[in-house]
Amino acid sequence: MPLIDLVDDHEDAQQVAAARAAATSRSTWVSVLVNLVLASVQIAVGILARSQGLVADGVHSLSDLVADFVVLFASRYSNKGADEDHQYGHQRYETAASLVLGLLLLAVGVGMLWSAFLKLESPGTVPTVHVVALWVAGAALIAKEALFRYMLAVAQRVKSSMLVANAWHARSDAASSLVVGVGIIGNLAGYPIFDPIAALIVGFMVARMGWGFSWVALHDLMDRSVDEQEVAAIRQTLVDTAGVKNLHDLRTRKMGDMIVVDAHLEVDATISVEAGHAIAVDARQRVLARHRVLNLMTHVDPWRPKA
């Protein structure tokens, strides 16, 4: 491939990375603002209105605020290029951030469950909440659902698993606000125990989501391969490259939202080493251009037609 084409590809990749980082930063700062306001209002009103469910929901929003800053940190460092210590780049900062987000959610969820269990052990001590708690829960539900839709749209546009995790974190908040609202309605209807039950459900939801994110991120950090559909697409691109007769030992591993690939390409045994190398270079460039592959390491093997 001509040098000018390689330079253009490099500049395009830099522009895409810069646009991705800008979109991530912008959407996350929006989330910071929303969660800061919600956490402050929910916890303050929850305490004044004596609603454990609303306080639990406020703590959940507070955990989102911490998660947002984790995302901002990871986004800043995951876009750094390769260096002597990290020769494949820093993309796994995103995976590590997803793991931190998951563990944070898990810890918050377990704390909510413990607090709710303590209340349920003494149902007679559960107070009747003030109606203002219901209005705050409703407003939080609308705000969190809107935030989820906005963040998920950005995450899908820039193809960031870390932003997807943070977006669904916001959706879990919306679901928890709905549960809290139902619990407050039950409390106001004369069933005070509904409020700690709502807090218990919210805690379970948060802990379950945290476990899910942590488990996925942990496997990605252990070099899990990508899904079979994506592997098949990469394989097809390689096989369709002129001069590639067959391939074997195609292996993939995730590097943040990117993929590192190894493959053995089979080329005609009668051609020169230089010609075989050119075929491998062409195959590599085609894969990098068509798939979210960070690097493709090829090994050229001789191919002979079967007798």
Protein backbone atom coordinates (compact mmCIF):
# COMPACT_ATOMS: atom_id res chain seq x y z
CA MET A 1 0.00 0.00 0.00
CA PRO A 2 1.40 3.49 -0.86
CA LEU A 3 2.77 5.54 2.03
CA ILE A 4 0.26 8.35 1.45
CA ASP A 5 -2.62 5.89 1.96
CA LEU A 6 -1.11 4.69 5.24
CA VAL A 7 -0.77 8.29 6.42
CA ASP A 8 -4.37 9.05 5.49
CA ASP A 9 -5.58 5.91 7.34
CA HIS A 10 -3.60 6.99 10.42
CA GLU A 11 -5.04 10.50 10.31
CA ASP A 12 -8.58 9.13 9.88
CA ALA A 13 -8.09 6.84 12.89
CA GLN A 14 -6.86 9.78 14.96
CA GLN A 15 -9.89 11.86 13.95
CA VAL A 16 -12.27 9.04 14.85
CA ALA A 17 -10.55 8.56 18.23
CA ALA A 18 -10.71 12.31 18.94
CA ALA A 19 -14.42 12.50 18.03
CA ARG A 20 -15.10 9.43 20.19
CA ALA A 21 -13.30 10.94 23.16
CA ALA A 22 -15.15 14.25 22.77
CA ALA A 23 -18.56 12.54 22.61
CA THR A 24 -17.70 10.41 25.64
CA SER A 25 -16.60 13.42 27.67
CA ARG A 26 -19.61 15.53 26.71
CA SER A 27 -22.22 12.85 27.50
CA THR A 28 -20.51 11.93 30.78
CA TRP A 29 -20.42 15.56 31.98
CA VAL A 30 -24.16 15.76 31.26
CA SER A 31 -24.58 12.66 33.43
CA VAL A 32 -22.44 14.24 36.18
CA LEU A 33 -24.71 17.29 36.30
CA VAL A 34 -27.93 15.27 36.33
CA ASN A 35 -26.70 12.83 38.99
CA LEU A 36 -25.33 15.60 41.20
CA VAL A 37 -28.70 17.36 41.26
CA LEU A 38 -30.69 14.14 41.68
CA ALA A 39 -28.52 12.71 44.46
CA SER A 40 -28.67 15.95 46.45
CA VAL A 41 -32.44 16.33 46.12
CA GLN A 42 -33.29 12.66 46.67
CA ILE A 43 -31.18 12.22 49.80
CA ALA A 44 -32.28 15.53 51.33
CA VAL A 45 -35.99 15.00 50.61
CA GLY A 46 -35.75 11.31 51.52
CA ILE A 47 -34.43 12.20 54.97
CA LEU A 48 -36.98 14.97 55.53
CA ALA A 49 -39.88 12.89 54.16
CA ARG A 50 -38.68 9.79 56.08
CA SER A 51 -38.50 7.59 52.98
CA GLN A 52 -35.81 4.91 53.11
CA GLY A 53 -36.55 4.00 49.51
CA LEU A 54 -35.91 7.53 48.28
CA VAL A 55 -32.68 7.77 50.30
CA ALA A 56 -31.56 4.44 48.77
CA ASP A 57 -32.35 5.80 45.32
CA GLY A 58 -30.34 8.93 46.14
CA VAL A 59 -27.36 6.81 47.18
CA HIS A 60 -27.71 4.99 43.87
CA SER A 61 -27.54 8.34 42.06
CA LEU A 62 -24.50 9.22 44.16
CA SER A 63 -22.81 6.00 43.03
CA ASP A 64 -23.57 7.06 39.46
CA LEU A 65 -21.73 10.30 40.11
CA VAL A 66 -18.64 8.39 41.23
CA ALA A 67 -19.03 6.09 38.22
CA ASP A 68 -19.13 9.09 35.88
CA PHE A 69 -15.75 10.27 37.14
CA VAL A 70 -14.35 6.76 36.68
CA VAL A 71 -15.57 6.88 33.06
CA LEU A 72 -13.98 10.31 32.52
CA PHE A 73 -10.68 9.03 33.90
CA ALA A 74 -10.74 5.90 31.75
CA SER A 75 -11.80 7.80 28.63
CA ARG A 76 -8.88 10.18 29.00
CA TYR A 77 -6.25 7.45 29.35
CA SER A 78 -7.69 4.79 27.03
CA ASN A 79 -7.14 7.08 24.04
CA LYS A 80 -3.41 7.36 24.65
CA GLY A 81 -1.34 5.80 21.92
CA ALA A 82 1.09 2.92 22.30
CA ASP A 83 4.31 3.48 24.24
CA GLU A 84 7.26 1.42 25.44
CA ASP A 85 5.33 0.01 28.40
CA HIS A 86 2.00 -0.47 26.58
CA GLN A 87 2.87 -1.45 23.04
CA TYR A 88 -0.73 -2.33 22.16
CA GLY A 89 -2.05 0.97 23.49
CA HIS A 90 -4.20 1.72 26.54
CA GLN A 91 -7.64 0.53 25.39
CA ARG A 92 -8.05 -1.78 28.35
CA TYR A 93 -8.49 1.21 30.62
CA GLU A 94 -12.10 1.05 29.42
CA THR A 95 -12.44 -2.60 30.43
CA ALA A 96 -10.88 -1.88 33.81
CA ALA A 97 -13.30 1.03 34.25
CA SER A 98 -16.25 -1.27 33.46
CA LEU A 99 -14.95 -3.66 36.14
CA VAL A 100 -14.72 -0.81 38.67
CA LEU A 101 -18.25 0.32 37.74
CA GLY A 102 -19.55 -3.20 38.25
CA LEU A 103 -17.85 -3.63 41.63
CA LEU A 104 -19.14 -0.22 42.70
CA LEU A 105 -22.68 -1.17 41.78
CA LEU A 106 -22.32 -4.51 43.57
CA ALA A 107 -21.10 -2.84 46.77
CA VAL A 108 -23.87 -0.23 46.71
CA GLY A 109 -26.49 -2.92 46.08
CA VAL A 110 -25.30 -5.08 48.97
CA GLY A 111 -25.34 -2.03 51.26
CA MET A 112 -28.93 -1.26 50.25
CA LEU A 113 -29.97 -4.85 50.87
CA TRP A 114 -28.44 -4.82 54.35
CA SER A 115 -30.12 -1.55 55.30
CA ALA A 116 -33.50 -2.75 54.01
CA PHE A 117 -33.22 -6.06 55.90
CA LEU A 118 -32.59 -4.18 59.13
CA LYS A 119 -35.78 -2.16 58.59
CA LEU A 120 -37.83 -5.24 57.72
CA GLU A 121 -36.77 -6.88 60.99
CA SER A 122 -38.64 -4.13 62.83
CA PRO A 123 -41.64 -3.24 60.61
CA GLY A 124 -43.30 -1.34 63.43
CA THR A 125 -40.58 1.30 63.33
CA VAL A 126 -41.19 2.14 59.65
CA PRO A 127 -42.69 5.65 59.49
CA THR A 128 -45.28 7.01 57.07
CA VAL A 129 -43.57 9.06 54.39
CA HIS A 130 -44.55 12.54 53.20
CA VAL A 131 -46.22 12.89 49.81
CA VAL A 132 -43.39 15.13 48.55
CA ALA A 133 -41.24 11.99 48.33
CA LEU A 134 -43.56 10.67 45.62
CA TRP A 135 -43.15 13.80 43.51
CA VAL A 136 -39.37 13.62 43.78
CA ALA A 137 -39.37 9.92 42.84
CA GLY A 138 -41.51 10.69 39.77
CA ALA A 139 -39.24 13.54 38.66
CA ALA A 140 -36.17 11.32 39.17
CA LEU A 141 -37.74 8.58 37.05
CA ILE A 142 -38.30 10.95 34.12
CA ALA A 143 -34.82 12.48 34.40
CA LYS A 144 -33.05 9.12 34.60
CA GLU A 145 -34.94 7.60 31.70
CA ALA A 146 -34.12 10.64 29.55
CA LEU A 147 -30.46 10.41 30.60
CA PHE A 148 -30.37 6.69 29.73
CA ARG A 149 -31.75 7.25 26.22
CA TYR A 150 -29.31 10.09 25.57
CA MET A 151 -26.25 8.19 26.84
CA LEU A 152 -27.16 4.95 25.05
CA ALA A 153 -27.55 6.82 21.75
CA VAL A 154 -24.07 8.33 22.19
CA ALA A 155 -22.60 4.97 23.26
CA GLN A 156 -23.98 3.20 20.19
CA ARG A 157 -22.79 6.00 17.90
CA VAL A 158 -19.19 5.87 19.15
CA LYS A 159 -19.31 2.09 19.84
CA SER A 160 -18.10 2.23 23.44
CA SER A 161 -18.86 -0.69 25.77
CA MET A 162 -17.84 1.45 28.74
CA LEU A 163 -20.47 4.08 27.83
CA VAL A 164 -23.04 1.34 27.25
CA ALA A 165 -22.36 0.09 30.79
CA ASN A 166 -22.74 3.61 32.17
CA ALA A 167 -25.94 4.15 30.17
CA TRP A 168 -27.50 0.98 31.56
CA HIS A 169 -26.36 2.13 34.98
CA ALA A 170 -28.64 5.13 34.38
CA ARG A 171 -31.45 2.82 33.23
CA SER A 172 -31.10 0.81 36.45
CA ASP A 173 -31.63 4.12 38.26
CA ALA A 174 -34.80 4.74 36.27
CA ALA A 175 -36.10 1.27 37.17
CA SER A 176 -35.18 1.80 40.82
CA SER A 177 -37.02 5.14 40.87
CA LEU A 178 -40.11 3.37 39.52
CA VAL A 179 -39.91 0.75 42.27
CA VAL A 180 -39.36 3.46 44.89
CA GLY A 181 -42.39 5.37 43.58
CA VAL A 182 -44.56 2.26 43.93
CA GLY A 183 -43.21 1.69 47.44
CA ILE A 184 -44.02 5.27 48.46
CA ILE A 185 -47.55 4.93 47.06
CA GLY A 186 -48.02 1.77 49.13
CA ASN A 187 -46.68 3.55 52.21
CA LEU A 188 -49.05 6.48 51.70
CA ALA A 189 -51.94 4.04 51.19
CA GLY A 190 -51.45 2.74 54.71
CA TYR A 191 -48.84 0.03 54.24
CA PRO A 192 -45.60 1.54 55.62
CA ILE A 193 -43.59 -1.63 55.04
CA PHE A 194 -43.82 -1.05 51.26
CA ASP A 195 -41.08 1.59 51.48
CA PRO A 196 -38.29 -0.70 52.85
CA ILE A 197 -39.51 -3.45 50.50
CA ALA A 198 -38.95 -1.02 47.62
CA ALA A 199 -35.46 -0.29 48.97
CA LEU A 200 -34.81 -4.06 49.14
CA ILE A 201 -35.84 -4.53 45.49
CA VAL A 202 -33.69 -1.60 44.39
CA GLY A 203 -30.71 -3.07 46.25
CA PHE A 204 -31.18 -6.43 44.52
CA MET A 205 -31.43 -4.78 41.09
CA VAL A 206 -28.27 -2.75 41.65
CA ALA A 207 -26.28 -5.72 43.01
CA ARG A 208 -27.38 -7.96 40.12
CA MET A 209 -26.35 -5.42 37.49
CA GLY A 210 -23.03 -4.82 39.24
CA TRP A 211 -22.26 -8.53 39.24
CA GLY A 212 -23.09 -8.76 35.53
CA PHE A 213 -20.80 -5.88 34.53
CA SER A 214 -17.97 -7.16 36.73
CA TRP A 215 -18.19 -10.68 35.33
CA VAL A 216 -18.12 -9.51 31.69
CA ALA A 217 -15.22 -7.11 32.30
CA LEU A 218 -13.23 -9.74 34.18
CA HIS A 219 -13.51 -12.17 31.25
CA ASP A 220 -12.49 -9.44 28.80
CA LEU A 221 -9.39 -8.73 30.89
CA MET A 222 -8.57 -12.44 30.64
CA ASP A 223 -8.35 -12.23 26.81
CA ARG A 224 -11.80 -13.56 25.99
CA SER A 225 -12.40 -13.95 22.26
CA VAL A 226 -15.09 -11.97 20.44
CA ASP A 227 -18.41 -13.55 19.45
CA GLU A 228 -18.61 -16.15 16.68
CA GLN A 229 -20.42 -13.82 14.27
CA GLU A 230 -17.61 -11.27 14.37
CA VAL A 231 -14.95 -13.98 14.06
CA ALA A 232 -16.76 -15.34 11.01
CA ALA A 233 -16.85 -11.86 9.44
CA ILE A 234 -13.09 -11.39 9.96
CA ARG A 235 -12.45 -14.86 8.56
CA GLN A 236 -14.49 -14.04 5.46
CA THR A 237 -12.55 -10.82 4.87
CA LEU A 238 -9.28 -12.74 5.03
CA VAL A 239 -10.46 -15.55 2.76
CA ASP A 240 -11.74 -13.03 0.20
CA THR A 241 -8.29 -11.41 -0.06
CA ALA A 242 -6.66 -12.09 -3.42
CA GLY A 243 -3.95 -14.73 -3.06
CA VAL A 244 -5.20 -16.24 0.22
CA LYS A 245 -5.99 -19.89 -0.46
CA ASN A 246 -7.05 -20.82 3.06
CA LEU A 247 -6.41 -19.93 6.69
CA HIS A 248 -6.22 -21.62 10.07
CA ASP A 249 -5.58 -20.82 13.73
CA LEU A 250 -7.62 -17.61 13.64
CA ARG A 251 -7.60 -16.29 17.20
CA THR A 252 -9.06 -13.11 18.68
CA ARG A 253 -8.91 -11.29 22.00
CA LYS A 254 -10.58 -8.13 23.16
CA MET A 255 -8.57 -4.99 23.81
CA GLY A 256 -11.11 -2.55 25.25
CA ASP A 257 -13.60 -2.04 22.43
CA MET A 258 -11.05 -3.14 19.86
CA ILE A 259 -9.83 -6.59 18.82
CA VAL A 260 -6.38 -8.10 18.44
CA VAL A 261 -6.24 -10.92 15.88
CA ASP A 262 -3.73 -13.67 15.02
CA ALA A 263 -4.09 -15.76 11.85
CA HIS A 264 -2.14 -18.23 9.73
CA LEU A 265 -2.67 -17.45 6.04
CA GLU A 266 -2.08 -20.13 3.44
CA VAL A 267 -0.69 -18.88 0.10
CA ASP A 268 0.57 -20.65 -3.02
CA ALA A 269 3.79 -22.47 -2.14
CA THR A 270 5.34 -21.67 -5.52
CA ILE A 271 5.33 -17.86 -5.20
CA SER A 272 8.19 -15.81 -3.78
CA VAL A 273 8.54 -14.74 -0.16
CA GLU A 274 8.04 -11.14 -1.26
CA ALA A 275 4.77 -12.01 -3.03
CA GLY A 276 3.51 -13.93 0.02
CA HIS A 277 4.39 -11.00 2.25
CA ALA A 278 2.45 -8.62 -0.03
CA ILE A 279 -0.63 -10.83 0.21
CA ALA A 280 -0.39 -10.83 4.03
CA VAL A 281 -0.04 -7.02 4.08
CA ASP A 282 -3.09 -6.66 1.84
CA ALA A 283 -5.10 -9.02 4.05
CA ARG A 284 -4.13 -7.07 7.15
CA GLN A 285 -5.11 -3.71 5.66
CA ARG A 286 -8.50 -5.07 4.54
CA VAL A 287 -9.27 -6.35 8.05
CA LEU A 288 -8.18 -3.11 9.75
CA ALA A 289 -10.34 -1.11 7.34
CA ARG A 290 -13.50 -3.23 7.68
CA HIS A 291 -13.49 -4.35 11.32
CA ARG A 292 -12.78 -2.87 14.75
CA VAL A 293 -9.41 -4.58 14.78
CA LEU A 294 -6.49 -2.85 16.48
CA ASN A 295 -3.84 -5.17 15.07
CA LEU A 296 -3.62 -8.34 12.97
CA MET A 297 -0.55 -10.55 13.29
CA THR A 298 -0.22 -12.87 10.29
CA HIS A 299 1.90 -15.93 9.67
CA VAL A 300 2.25 -17.12 6.07
CA ASP A 301 2.11 -20.87 5.42
CA PRO A 302 2.65 -22.64 2.08
CA TRP A 303 -0.42 -24.05 0.33
CA ARG A 304 -0.37 -26.83 -2.24
CA PRO A 305 -3.35 -28.24 -4.07
CA LYS A 306 -4.36 -31.70 -2.96
CA ALA A 307 -3.43 -34.45 -5.36
